[in-house]
PDB file of all heavy atoms in Angstrom:
ATOM      1  N   SER A   1       0.793  -1.203   0.037  1.00  0.00           N
ATOM      2  CA  SER A   1       0.032   0.076  -0.013  1.00  0.00           C
ATOM      3  C   SER A   1       0.837   1.226   0.050  1.00  0.00           C
ATOM      4  O   SER A   1       0.277   2.454  -0.141  1.00  0.00           O
ATOM      5  CB  SER A   1      -0.895   0.012   1.224  1.00  0.00           C
ATOM      6  OG  SER A   1      -0.143   0.094   2.432  1.00  0.00           O
ATOM      7  N   GLY A   2       2.118   1.190   0.360  1.00  0.00           N
ATOM      8  CA  GLY A   2       2.987   2.309   0.471  1.00  0.00           C
ATOM      9  C   GLY A   2       2.881   2.763   1.857  1.00  0.00           C
ATOM     10  O   GLY A   2       3.672   3.772   2.220  1.00  0.00           O
ATOM     11  N   HIS A   3       2.153   2.280   2.739  1.00  0.00           N
ATOM     12  CA  HIS A   3       2.007   2.591   4.104  1.00  0.00           C
ATOM     13  C   HIS A   3       2.695   1.517   5.023  1.00  0.00           C
ATOM     14  O   HIS A   3       2.610   0.399   4.584  1.00  0.00           O
ATOM     15  CB  HIS A   3       0.604   2.801   4.634  1.00  0.00           C
ATOM     16  CG  HIS A   3      -0.259   3.816   3.826  1.00  0.00           C
ATOM     17  ND1 HIS A   3       0.059   5.174   4.073  1.00  0.00           N
ATOM     18  CD2 HIS A   3      -1.210   3.799   2.995  1.00  0.00           C
ATOM     19  CE1 HIS A   3      -0.790   5.838   3.401  1.00  0.00           C
ATOM     20  NE2 HIS A   3      -1.499   5.039   2.656  1.00  0.00           N
ATOM     21  N   GLU A   4       3.419   1.969   6.092  1.00  0.00           N
ATOM     22  CA  GLU A   4       4.175   1.045   6.824  1.00  0.00           C
ATOM     23  C   GLU A   4       3.536   0.884   8.371  1.00  0.00           C
ATOM     24  O   GLU A   4       3.021   1.787   8.792  1.00  0.00           O
ATOM     25  CB  GLU A   4       5.620   1.379   7.060  1.00  0.00           C
ATOM     26  CG  GLU A   4       6.389   1.395   5.734  1.00  0.00           C
ATOM     27  CD  GLU A   4       7.711   1.846   5.853  1.00  0.00           C
ATOM     28  OE1 GLU A   4       7.958   2.837   6.647  1.00  0.00           O
ATOM     29  OE2 GLU A   4       8.605   1.209   5.437  1.00  0.00           O
ATOM     30  N   LEU A   5       3.600  -0.319   8.858  1.00  0.00           N
ATOM     31  CA  LEU A   5       3.423  -0.481  10.283  1.00  0.00           C
ATOM     32  C   LEU A   5       4.556  -1.546  10.822  1.00  0.00           C
ATOM     33  O   LEU A   5       5.280  -2.015   9.932  1.00  0.00           O
ATOM     34  CB  LEU A   5       1.991  -1.281  10.468  1.00  0.00           C
ATOM     35  CG  LEU A   5       0.789  -0.402  10.234  1.00  0.00           C
ATOM     36  CD1 LEU A   5      -0.484  -1.215  10.492  1.00  0.00           C
ATOM     37  CD2 LEU A   5       0.724   0.726  11.339  1.00  0.00           C
ATOM     38  N   ARG A   6       4.489  -1.724  12.096  1.00  0.00           N
ATOM     39  CA  ARG A   6       5.490  -2.675  12.618  1.00  0.00           C
ATOM     40  C   ARG A   6       5.083  -4.032  12.174  1.00  0.00           C
ATOM     41  O   ARG A   6       3.878  -4.268  11.767  1.00  0.00           O
ATOM     42  CB  ARG A   6       5.503  -2.589  14.126  1.00  0.00           C
ATOM     43  CG  ARG A   6       6.188  -1.320  14.656  1.00  0.00           C
ATOM     44  CD  ARG A   6       6.230  -1.277  16.115  1.00  0.00           C
ATOM     45  NE  ARG A   6       6.932  -2.443  16.601  1.00  0.00           N
ATOM     46  CZ  ARG A   6       6.945  -2.762  17.907  1.00  0.00           C
ATOM     47  NH1 ARG A   6       6.311  -2.037  18.790  1.00  0.00           N
ATOM     48  NH2 ARG A   6       7.569  -3.783  18.277  1.00  0.00           N
ATOM     49  N   LYS A   7       6.003  -4.933  12.107  1.00  0.00           N
ATOM     50  CA  LYS A   7       5.877  -6.261  11.451  1.00  0.00           C
ATOM     51  C   LYS A   7       4.584  -6.983  11.949  1.00  0.00           C
ATOM     52  O   LYS A   7       3.727  -7.415  11.097  1.00  0.00           O
ATOM     53  CB  LYS A   7       7.075  -7.155  11.902  1.00  0.00           C
ATOM     54  CG  LYS A   7       7.099  -8.431  11.117  1.00  0.00           C
ATOM     55  CD  LYS A   7       8.311  -9.271  11.505  1.00  0.00           C
ATOM     56  CE  LYS A   7       8.368 -10.653  10.981  1.00  0.00           C
ATOM     57  NZ  LYS A   7       9.541 -11.481  11.324  1.00  0.00           N
ATOM     58  N   ASP A   8       4.345  -7.068  13.186  1.00  0.00           N
ATOM     59  CA  ASP A   8       3.129  -7.886  13.676  1.00  0.00           C
ATOM     60  C   ASP A   8       1.871  -7.160  13.352  1.00  0.00           C
ATOM     61  O   ASP A   8       0.996  -7.810  13.029  1.00  0.00           O
ATOM     62  CB  ASP A   8       3.326  -8.073  15.169  1.00  0.00           C
ATOM     63  CG  ASP A   8       4.283  -9.223  15.612  1.00  0.00           C
ATOM     64  OD1 ASP A   8       4.939  -9.675  14.625  1.00  0.00           O
ATOM     65  OD2 ASP A   8       4.477  -9.468  16.812  1.00  0.00           O
ATOM     66  N   ALA A   9       1.890  -5.856  13.558  1.00  0.00           N
ATOM     67  CA  ALA A   9       0.660  -5.039  13.218  1.00  0.00           C
ATOM     68  C   ALA A   9       0.395  -5.089  11.708  1.00  0.00           C
ATOM     69  O   ALA A   9      -0.796  -5.170  11.277  1.00  0.00           O
ATOM     70  CB  ALA A   9       0.806  -3.659  13.708  1.00  0.00           C
ATOM     71  N   SER A  10       1.399  -5.022  10.903  1.00  0.00           N
ATOM     72  CA  SER A  10       1.206  -5.057   9.366  1.00  0.00           C
ATOM     73  C   SER A  10       0.680  -6.373   9.012  1.00  0.00           C
ATOM     74  O   SER A  10      -0.315  -6.452   8.280  1.00  0.00           O
ATOM     75  CB  SER A  10       2.592  -4.906   8.782  1.00  0.00           C
ATOM     76  OG  SER A  10       2.490  -5.070   7.403  1.00  0.00           O
ATOM     77  N   ALA A  11       1.155  -7.593   9.561  1.00  0.00           N
ATOM     78  CA  ALA A  11       0.559  -8.801   9.204  1.00  0.00           C
ATOM     79  C   ALA A  11      -0.971  -8.971   9.612  1.00  0.00           C
ATOM     80  O   ALA A  11      -1.705  -9.549   8.907  1.00  0.00           O
ATOM     81  CB  ALA A  11       1.520  -9.955   9.756  1.00  0.00           C
ATOM     82  N   ALA A  12      -1.134  -8.458  10.917  1.00  0.00           N
ATOM     83  CA  ALA A  12      -2.597  -8.454  11.401  1.00  0.00           C
ATOM     84  C   ALA A  12      -3.450  -7.704  10.557  1.00  0.00           C
ATOM     85  O   ALA A  12      -4.619  -8.133  10.330  1.00  0.00           O
ATOM     86  CB  ALA A  12      -2.503  -8.091  12.810  1.00  0.00           C
ATOM     87  N   LEU A  13      -2.951  -6.554  10.110  1.00  0.00           N
ATOM     88  CA  LEU A  13      -3.920  -5.702   9.284  1.00  0.00           C
ATOM     89  C   LEU A  13      -4.177  -6.202   7.960  1.00  0.00           C
ATOM     90  O   LEU A  13      -5.337  -6.178   7.375  1.00  0.00           O
ATOM     91  CB  LEU A  13      -3.322  -4.291   9.152  1.00  0.00           C
ATOM     92  CG  LEU A  13      -4.257  -3.228   8.598  1.00  0.00           C
ATOM     93  CD1 LEU A  13      -5.532  -3.116   9.214  1.00  0.00           C
ATOM     94  CD2 LEU A  13      -3.603  -1.833   8.460  1.00  0.00           C
ATOM     95  N   GLU A  14      -3.247  -6.922   7.338  1.00  0.00           N
ATOM     96  CA  GLU A  14      -3.244  -7.567   6.074  1.00  0.00           C
ATOM     97  C   GLU A  14      -4.394  -8.688   6.157  1.00  0.00           C
ATOM     98  O   GLU A  14      -5.266  -8.732   5.331  1.00  0.00           O
ATOM     99  CB  GLU A  14      -2.060  -8.165   5.640  1.00  0.00           C
ATOM    100  CG  GLU A  14      -1.098  -7.085   5.137  1.00  0.00           C
ATOM    101  CD  GLU A  14       0.324  -7.643   4.748  1.00  0.00           C
ATOM    102  OE1 GLU A  14       0.525  -8.896   4.997  1.00  0.00           O
ATOM    103  OE2 GLU A  14       1.177  -6.950   4.115  1.00  0.00           O
ATOM    104  N   SER A  15      -4.337  -9.420   7.237  1.00  0.00           N
ATOM    105  CA  SER A  15      -5.400 -10.262   7.459  1.00  0.00           C
ATOM    106  C   SER A  15      -6.796  -9.811   7.740  1.00  0.00           C
ATOM    107  O   SER A  15      -7.750 -10.350   7.276  1.00  0.00           O
ATOM    108  CB  SER A  15      -5.099 -11.291   8.729  1.00  0.00           C
ATOM    109  OG  SER A  15      -3.842 -11.882   8.608  1.00  0.00           O
ATOM    110  N   LEU A  16      -6.916  -8.725   8.495  1.00  0.00           N
ATOM    111  CA  LEU A  16      -8.192  -8.086   8.721  1.00  0.00           C
ATOM    112  C   LEU A  16      -8.763  -7.565   7.400  1.00  0.00           C
ATOM    113  O   LEU A  16      -9.984  -7.662   7.082  1.00  0.00           O
ATOM    114  CB  LEU A  16      -7.952  -6.818   9.602  1.00  0.00           C
ATOM    115  CG  LEU A  16      -9.117  -6.085   9.980  1.00  0.00           C
ATOM    116  CD1 LEU A  16      -9.022  -5.422  11.424  1.00  0.00           C
ATOM    117  CD2 LEU A  16      -9.356  -4.841   9.099  1.00  0.00           C
ATOM    118  N   LEU A  17      -7.954  -6.933   6.523  1.00  0.00           N
ATOM    119  CA  LEU A  17      -8.387  -6.467   5.249  1.00  0.00           C
ATOM    120  C   LEU A  17      -8.887  -7.588   4.348  1.00  0.00           C
ATOM    121  O   LEU A  17      -9.867  -7.402   3.638  1.00  0.00           O
ATOM    122  CB  LEU A  17      -7.309  -5.582   4.590  1.00  0.00           C
ATOM    123  CG  LEU A  17      -6.970  -4.243   5.288  1.00  0.00           C
ATOM    124  CD1 LEU A  17      -5.834  -3.558   4.634  1.00  0.00           C
ATOM    125  CD2 LEU A  17      -8.214  -3.349   5.370  1.00  0.00           C
ATOM    126  N   SER A  18      -8.183  -8.632   4.381  1.00  0.00           N
ATOM    127  CA  SER A  18      -8.552  -9.833   3.562  1.00  0.00           C
ATOM    128  C   SER A  18      -9.873 -10.378   4.136  1.00  0.00           C
ATOM    129  O   SER A  18     -10.736 -10.628   3.284  1.00  0.00           O
ATOM    130  CB  SER A  18      -7.410 -10.834   3.748  1.00  0.00           C
ATOM    131  OG  SER A  18      -7.879 -12.150   2.993  1.00  0.00           O
ATOM    132  N   ALA A  19      -9.985 -10.497   5.411  1.00  0.00           N
ATOM    133  CA  ALA A  19     -11.332 -10.927   5.870  1.00  0.00           C
ATOM    134  C   ALA A  19     -12.474 -10.000   5.739  1.00  0.00           C
ATOM    135  O   ALA A  19     -13.540 -10.542   5.384  1.00  0.00           O
ATOM    136  CB  ALA A  19     -11.172 -11.247   7.427  1.00  0.00           C
ATOM    137  N   ALA A  20     -12.190  -8.722   5.577  1.00  0.00           N
ATOM    138  CA  ALA A  20     -13.276  -7.831   5.274  1.00  0.00           C
ATOM    139  C   ALA A  20     -13.746  -8.069   3.808  1.00  0.00           C
ATOM    140  O   ALA A  20     -14.859  -8.034   3.480  1.00  0.00           O
ATOM    141  CB  ALA A  20     -12.796  -6.299   5.457  1.00  0.00           C
ATOM    142  N   ARG A  21     -12.745  -8.121   2.890  1.00  0.00           N
ATOM    143  CA  ARG A  21     -13.084  -8.450   1.571  1.00  0.00           C
ATOM    144  C   ARG A  21     -13.988  -9.698   1.389  1.00  0.00           C
ATOM    145  O   ARG A  21     -14.849  -9.771   0.545  1.00  0.00           O
ATOM    146  CB  ARG A  21     -11.864  -8.615   0.634  1.00  0.00           C
ATOM    147  CG  ARG A  21     -11.067  -7.337   0.381  1.00  0.00           C
ATOM    148  CD  ARG A  21     -10.081  -7.265  -0.648  1.00  0.00           C
ATOM    149  NE  ARG A  21      -8.978  -8.230  -0.331  1.00  0.00           N
ATOM    150  CZ  ARG A  21      -7.865  -7.869   0.377  1.00  0.00           C
ATOM    151  NH1 ARG A  21      -7.861  -6.586   0.763  1.00  0.00           N
ATOM    152  NH2 ARG A  21      -6.949  -8.629   0.668  1.00  0.00           N
ATOM    153  N   LYS A  22     -13.632 -10.761   2.028  1.00  0.00           N
ATOM    154  CA  LYS A  22     -14.381 -11.976   1.980  1.00  0.00           C
ATOM    155  C   LYS A  22     -15.916 -11.785   2.421  1.00  0.00           C
ATOM    156  O   LYS A  22     -16.825 -12.403   2.062  1.00  0.00           O
ATOM    157  CB  LYS A  22     -13.655 -13.129   2.902  1.00  0.00           C
ATOM    158  CG  LYS A  22     -12.471 -13.688   2.276  1.00  0.00           C
ATOM    159  CD  LYS A  22     -11.726 -14.729   3.144  1.00  0.00           C
ATOM    160  CE  LYS A  22     -10.550 -15.196   2.568  1.00  0.00           C
ATOM    161  NZ  LYS A  22      -9.861 -16.183   3.408  1.00  0.00           N
ATOM    162  N   ASP A  23     -15.999 -10.728   3.420  1.00  0.00           N
ATOM    163  CA  ASP A  23     -17.446 -10.422   3.856  1.00  0.00           C
ATOM    164  C   ASP A  23     -17.955  -9.320   3.004  1.00  0.00           C
ATOM    165  O   ASP A  23     -18.889  -8.642   3.486  1.00  0.00           O
ATOM    166  CB  ASP A  23     -17.318 -10.050   5.346  1.00  0.00           C
ATOM    167  CG  ASP A  23     -17.138 -11.297   6.255  1.00  0.00           C
ATOM    168  OD1 ASP A  23     -17.286 -12.441   5.753  1.00  0.00           O
ATOM    169  OD2 ASP A  23     -16.876 -11.087   7.470  1.00  0.00           O
ATOM    170  N   SER A  24     -17.459  -9.036   1.850  1.00  0.00           N
ATOM    171  CA  SER A  24     -17.874  -8.018   0.949  1.00  0.00           C
ATOM    172  C   SER A  24     -17.852  -6.675   1.517  1.00  0.00           C
ATOM    173  O   SER A  24     -18.689  -5.757   1.197  1.00  0.00           O
ATOM    174  CB  SER A  24     -19.326  -8.314   0.460  1.00  0.00           C
ATOM    175  OG  SER A  24     -19.412  -9.716  -0.141  1.00  0.00           O
ATOM    176  N   LYS A  25     -16.898  -6.431   2.296  1.00  0.00           N
ATOM    177  CA  LYS A  25     -16.555  -5.016   2.919  1.00  0.00           C
ATOM    178  C   LYS A  25     -15.266  -4.495   2.338  1.00  0.00           C
ATOM    179  O   LYS A  25     -14.209  -5.058   2.633  1.00  0.00           O
ATOM    180  CB  LYS A  25     -16.485  -5.032   4.400  1.00  0.00           C
ATOM    181  CG  LYS A  25     -17.779  -5.765   5.139  1.00  0.00           C
ATOM    182  CD  LYS A  25     -18.979  -4.925   4.770  1.00  0.00           C
ATOM    183  CE  LYS A  25     -20.306  -5.461   5.606  1.00  0.00           C
ATOM    184  NZ  LYS A  25     -20.629  -6.766   5.027  1.00  0.00           N
ATOM    185  N   SER A  26     -15.330  -3.591   1.486  1.00  0.00           N
ATOM    186  CA  SER A  26     -14.210  -3.082   0.713  1.00  0.00           C
ATOM    187  C   SER A  26     -13.498  -1.980   1.597  1.00  0.00           C
ATOM    188  O   SER A  26     -13.732  -0.723   1.351  1.00  0.00           O
ATOM    189  CB  SER A  26     -14.501  -2.535  -0.669  1.00  0.00           C
ATOM    190  OG  SER A  26     -13.350  -2.176  -1.263  1.00  0.00           O
ATOM    191  N   LEU A  27     -12.660  -2.362   2.634  1.00  0.00           N
ATOM    192  CA  LEU A  27     -11.995  -1.446   3.453  1.00  0.00           C
ATOM    193  C   LEU A  27     -10.566  -1.187   2.937  1.00  0.00           C
ATOM    194  O   LEU A  27     -10.021  -2.106   2.289  1.00  0.00           O
ATOM    195  CB  LEU A  27     -11.855  -2.028   4.783  1.00  0.00           C
ATOM    196  CG  LEU A  27     -13.099  -2.351   5.627  1.00  0.00           C
ATOM    197  CD1 LEU A  27     -12.789  -2.918   7.050  1.00  0.00           C
ATOM    198  CD2 LEU A  27     -13.903  -1.019   5.711  1.00  0.00           C
ATOM    199  N   VAL A  28     -10.036   0.089   3.135  1.00  0.00           N
ATOM    200  CA  VAL A  28      -8.748   0.339   2.574  1.00  0.00           C
ATOM    201  C   VAL A  28      -7.927   1.091   3.718  1.00  0.00           C
ATOM    202  O   VAL A  28      -8.564   1.657   4.530  1.00  0.00           O
ATOM    203  CB  VAL A  28      -8.846   1.205   1.263  1.00  0.00           C
ATOM    204  CG1 VAL A  28      -9.430   0.453   0.146  1.00  0.00           C
ATOM    205  CG2 VAL A  28      -9.605   2.554   1.602  1.00  0.00           C
ATOM    206  N   LEU A  29      -6.603   0.963   3.557  1.00  0.00           N
ATOM    207  CA  LEU A  29      -5.683   1.641   4.588  1.00  0.00           C
ATOM    208  C   LEU A  29      -5.437   3.182   4.068  1.00  0.00           C
ATOM    209  O   LEU A  29      -5.053   3.307   2.906  1.00  0.00           O
ATOM    210  CB  LEU A  29      -4.466   0.847   4.617  1.00  0.00           C
ATOM    211  CG  LEU A  29      -3.410   1.519   5.553  1.00  0.00           C
ATOM    212  CD1 LEU A  29      -3.867   1.610   6.897  1.00  0.00           C
ATOM    213  CD2 LEU A  29      -2.113   0.574   5.502  1.00  0.00           C
ATOM    214  N   LEU A  30      -5.725   4.009   4.804  1.00  0.00           N
ATOM    215  CA  LEU A  30      -5.628   5.454   4.447  1.00  0.00           C
ATOM    216  C   LEU A  30      -4.348   6.035   5.115  1.00  0.00           C
ATOM    217  O   LEU A  30      -3.744   6.858   4.391  1.00  0.00           O
ATOM    218  CB  LEU A  30      -6.801   6.206   5.002  1.00  0.00           C
ATOM    219  CG  LEU A  30      -8.143   5.829   4.524  1.00  0.00           C
ATOM    220  CD1 LEU A  30      -9.251   6.754   5.206  1.00  0.00           C
ATOM    221  CD2 LEU A  30      -8.329   6.050   2.972  1.00  0.00           C
ATOM    222  N   SER A  31      -3.926   5.619   6.253  1.00  0.00           N
ATOM    223  CA  SER A  31      -2.809   6.102   6.931  1.00  0.00           C
ATOM    224  C   SER A  31      -2.199   5.174   7.877  1.00  0.00           C
ATOM    225  O   SER A  31      -3.036   4.345   8.513  1.00  0.00           O
ATOM    226  CB  SER A  31      -3.025   7.485   7.561  1.00  0.00           C
ATOM    227  OG  SER A  31      -1.892   8.034   8.219  1.00  0.00           O
ATOM    228  N   ALA A  32      -0.857   5.139   8.089  1.00  0.00           N
ATOM    229  CA  ALA A  32      -0.298   4.246   9.078  1.00  0.00           C
ATOM    230  C   ALA A  32       0.810   4.849   9.919  1.00  0.00           C
ATOM    231  O   ALA A  32       0.533   5.891  10.477  1.00  0.00           O
ATOM    232  CB  ALA A  32       0.124   2.929   8.349  1.00  0.00           C
ATOM    233  N   TYR A  33       1.990   4.398   9.692  1.00  0.00           N
ATOM    234  CA  TYR A  33       3.275   4.987  10.493  1.00  0.00           C
ATOM    235  C   TYR A  33       3.400   6.361   9.940  1.00  0.00           C
ATOM    236  O   TYR A  33       3.336   6.667   8.691  1.00  0.00           O
ATOM    237  CB  TYR A  33       4.406   4.237  10.290  1.00  0.00           C
ATOM    238  CG  TYR A  33       5.662   5.055  10.687  1.00  0.00           C
ATOM    239  CD1 TYR A  33       5.934   5.225  12.095  1.00  0.00           C
ATOM    240  CD2 TYR A  33       6.590   5.457   9.778  1.00  0.00           C
ATOM    241  CE1 TYR A  33       7.017   5.926  12.456  1.00  0.00           C
ATOM    242  CE2 TYR A  33       7.621   6.202  10.079  1.00  0.00           C
ATOM    243  CZ  TYR A  33       7.943   6.339  11.438  1.00  0.00           C
ATOM    244  OH  TYR A  33       9.073   7.120  11.791  1.00  0.00           O
ATOM    245  N   ARG A  34       3.615   7.291  10.807  1.00  0.00           N
ATOM    246  CA  ARG A  34       3.988   8.711  10.507  1.00  0.00           C
ATOM    247  C   ARG A  34       5.228   9.121  11.231  1.00  0.00           C
ATOM    248  O   ARG A  34       5.326   8.906  12.533  1.00  0.00           O
ATOM    249  CB  ARG A  34       2.969   9.665  10.783  1.00  0.00           C
ATOM    250  CG  ARG A  34       1.490   9.540   9.981  1.00  0.00           C
ATOM    251  CD  ARG A  34       0.693  10.735  10.373  1.00  0.00           C
ATOM    252  NE  ARG A  34      -0.671  10.303  10.090  1.00  0.00           N
ATOM    253  CZ  ARG A  34      -1.823  10.579  10.837  1.00  0.00           C
ATOM    254  NH1 ARG A  34      -1.633  11.324  11.946  1.00  0.00           N
ATOM    255  NH2 ARG A  34      -2.927  10.257  10.325  1.00  0.00           N
ATOM    256  N   SER A  35       6.220   9.636  10.601  1.00  0.00           N
ATOM    257  CA  SER A  35       7.382  10.127  11.377  1.00  0.00           C
ATOM    258  C   SER A  35       7.098  11.489  12.102  1.00  0.00           C
ATOM    259  O   SER A  35       6.022  12.004  11.960  1.00  0.00           O
ATOM    260  CB  SER A  35       8.476  10.474  10.290  1.00  0.00           C
ATOM    261  OG  SER A  35       8.157  11.555   9.468  1.00  0.00           O
ATOM    262  N   TYR A  36       7.999  11.801  13.068  1.00  0.00           N
ATOM    263  CA  TYR A  36       7.851  12.997  13.742  1.00  0.00           C
ATOM    264  C   TYR A  36       7.745  14.153  12.826  1.00  0.00           C
ATOM    265  O   TYR A  36       6.895  15.156  13.006  1.00  0.00           O
ATOM    266  CB  TYR A  36       9.033  13.218  14.643  1.00  0.00           C
ATOM    267  CG  TYR A  36       9.102  14.432  15.371  1.00  0.00           C
ATOM    268  CD1 TYR A  36       8.466  14.653  16.676  1.00  0.00           C
ATOM    269  CD2 TYR A  36       9.865  15.561  14.994  1.00  0.00           C
ATOM    270  CE1 TYR A  36       8.430  15.713  17.451  1.00  0.00           C
ATOM    271  CE2 TYR A  36       9.946  16.744  15.665  1.00  0.00           C
ATOM    272  CZ  TYR A  36       9.172  16.802  16.846  1.00  0.00           C
ATOM    273  OH  TYR A  36       9.178  17.977  17.546  1.00  0.00           O
ATOM    274  N   GLU A  37       8.509  14.237  11.713  1.00  0.00           N
ATOM    275  CA  GLU A  37       8.616  15.297  10.853  1.00  0.00           C
ATOM    276  C   GLU A  37       7.222  15.428  10.150  1.00  0.00           C
ATOM    277  O   GLU A  37       6.678  16.540   9.900  1.00  0.00           O
ATOM    278  CB  GLU A  37       9.712  15.255   9.799  1.00  0.00           C
ATOM    279  CG  GLU A  37      11.030  15.354  10.492  1.00  0.00           C
ATOM    280  CD  GLU A  37      11.566  14.168  11.275  1.00  0.00           C
ATOM    281  OE1 GLU A  37      10.906  13.091  11.056  1.00  0.00           O
ATOM    282  OE2 GLU A  37      12.484  14.252  12.078  1.00  0.00           O
ATOM    283  N   ARG A  38       6.661  14.334   9.685  1.00  0.00           N
ATOM    284  CA  ARG A  38       5.373  14.302   9.077  1.00  0.00           C
ATOM    285  C   ARG A  38       4.276  14.808  10.013  1.00  0.00           C
ATOM    286  O   ARG A  38       3.290  15.576   9.599  1.00  0.00           O
ATOM    287  CB  ARG A  38       5.020  12.820   8.562  1.00  0.00           C
ATOM    288  CG  ARG A  38       3.715  12.681   7.975  1.00  0.00           C
ATOM    289  CD  ARG A  38       3.446  13.540   6.830  1.00  0.00           C
ATOM    290  NE  ARG A  38       2.197  13.403   6.082  1.00  0.00           N
ATOM    291  CZ  ARG A  38       1.564  14.226   5.474  1.00  0.00           C
ATOM    292  NH1 ARG A  38       2.043  15.531   5.171  1.00  0.00           N
ATOM    293  NH2 ARG A  38       0.286  14.041   4.955  1.00  0.00           N
ATOM    294  N   GLN A  39       4.383  14.477  11.310  1.00  0.00           N
ATOM    295  CA  GLN A  39       3.370  14.876  12.143  1.00  0.00           C
ATOM    296  C   GLN A  39       3.455  16.412  12.542  1.00  0.00           C
ATOM    297  O   GLN A  39       2.414  17.025  12.775  1.00  0.00           O
ATOM    298  CB  GLN A  39       3.422  14.056  13.578  1.00  0.00           C
ATOM    299  CG  GLN A  39       2.296  14.228  14.493  1.00  0.00           C
ATOM    300  CD  GLN A  39       0.976  13.544  13.917  1.00  0.00           C
ATOM    301  OE1 GLN A  39       1.125  12.628  13.123  1.00  0.00           O
ATOM    302  NE2 GLN A  39      -0.140  14.022  14.330  1.00  0.00           N
ATOM    303  N   VAL A  40       4.637  16.967  12.494  1.00  0.00           N
ATOM    304  CA  VAL A  40       4.840  18.443  12.614  1.00  0.00           C
ATOM    305  C   VAL A  40       4.118  19.140  11.472  1.00  0.00           C
ATOM    306  O   VAL A  40       3.410  20.108  11.690  1.00  0.00           O
ATOM    307  CB  VAL A  40       6.341  18.717  12.530  1.00  0.00           C
ATOM    308  CG1 VAL A  40       6.507  20.302  12.402  1.00  0.00           C
ATOM    309  CG2 VAL A  40       7.016  18.312  13.751  1.00  0.00           C
ATOM    310  N   SER A  41       4.337  18.562  10.200  1.00  0.00           N
ATOM    311  CA  SER A  41       3.568  19.331   9.094  1.00  0.00           C
ATOM    312  C   SER A  41       2.030  19.196   9.126  1.00  0.00           C
ATOM    313  O   SER A  41       1.348  20.197   8.976  1.00  0.00           O
ATOM    314  CB  SER A  41       4.132  18.479   7.816  1.00  0.00           C
ATOM    315  OG  SER A  41       3.412  19.006   6.666  1.00  0.00           O
ATOM    316  N   LEU A  42       1.599  17.967   9.590  1.00  0.00           N
ATOM    317  CA  LEU A  42       0.104  17.879   9.648  1.00  0.00           C
ATOM    318  C   LEU A  42      -0.416  18.665  10.782  1.00  0.00           C
ATOM    319  O   LEU A  42      -1.545  19.412  10.614  1.00  0.00           O
ATOM    320  CB  LEU A  42      -0.173  16.368  10.031  1.00  0.00           C
ATOM    321  CG  LEU A  42      -0.176  15.382   8.720  1.00  0.00           C
ATOM    322  CD1 LEU A  42      -0.427  13.902   9.341  1.00  0.00           C
ATOM    323  CD2 LEU A  42      -1.193  15.656   7.747  1.00  0.00           C
ATOM    324  N   PHE A  43       0.101  18.657  12.022  1.00  0.00           N
ATOM    325  CA  PHE A  43      -0.429  19.371  13.149  1.00  0.00           C
ATOM    326  C   PHE A  43      -0.406  20.889  12.795  1.00  0.00           C
ATOM    327  O   PHE A  43      -1.350  21.684  13.081  1.00  0.00           O
ATOM    328  CB  PHE A  43       0.370  19.106  14.284  1.00  0.00           C
ATOM    329  CG  PHE A  43      -0.301  19.716  15.652  1.00  0.00           C
ATOM    330  CD1 PHE A  43      -1.511  19.099  16.130  1.00  0.00           C
ATOM    331  CD2 PHE A  43       0.300  20.711  16.287  1.00  0.00           C
ATOM    332  CE1 PHE A  43      -1.921  19.599  17.188  1.00  0.00           C
ATOM    333  CE2 PHE A  43      -0.210  21.298  17.389  1.00  0.00           C
ATOM    334  CZ  PHE A  43      -1.413  20.693  17.954  1.00  0.00           C
ATOM    335  N   ASN A  44       0.638  21.373  12.225  1.00  0.00           N
ATOM    336  CA  ASN A  44       0.756  22.813  11.840  1.00  0.00           C
ATOM    337  C   ASN A  44      -0.333  23.202  10.891  1.00  0.00           C
ATOM    338  O   ASN A  44      -0.836  24.399  10.913  1.00  0.00           O
ATOM    339  CB  ASN A  44       2.209  23.242  11.379  1.00  0.00           C
ATOM    340  CG  ASN A  44       3.106  23.255  12.549  1.00  0.00           C
ATOM    341  OD1 ASN A  44       2.877  23.268  13.800  1.00  0.00           O
ATOM    342  ND2 ASN A  44       4.386  22.998  12.150  1.00  0.00           N
TER     343      ASN A  44
END
């Protein structure tokens, strides 16, 4: 997706999104890890 999470969280979210698709729920990842610098820009 171009978005990052820690290893365990990433694998868990992939499983969640896959399960949602099987239940006909088209969920997508909008945002994940953000660096300190990115958060400065967003908050400002």
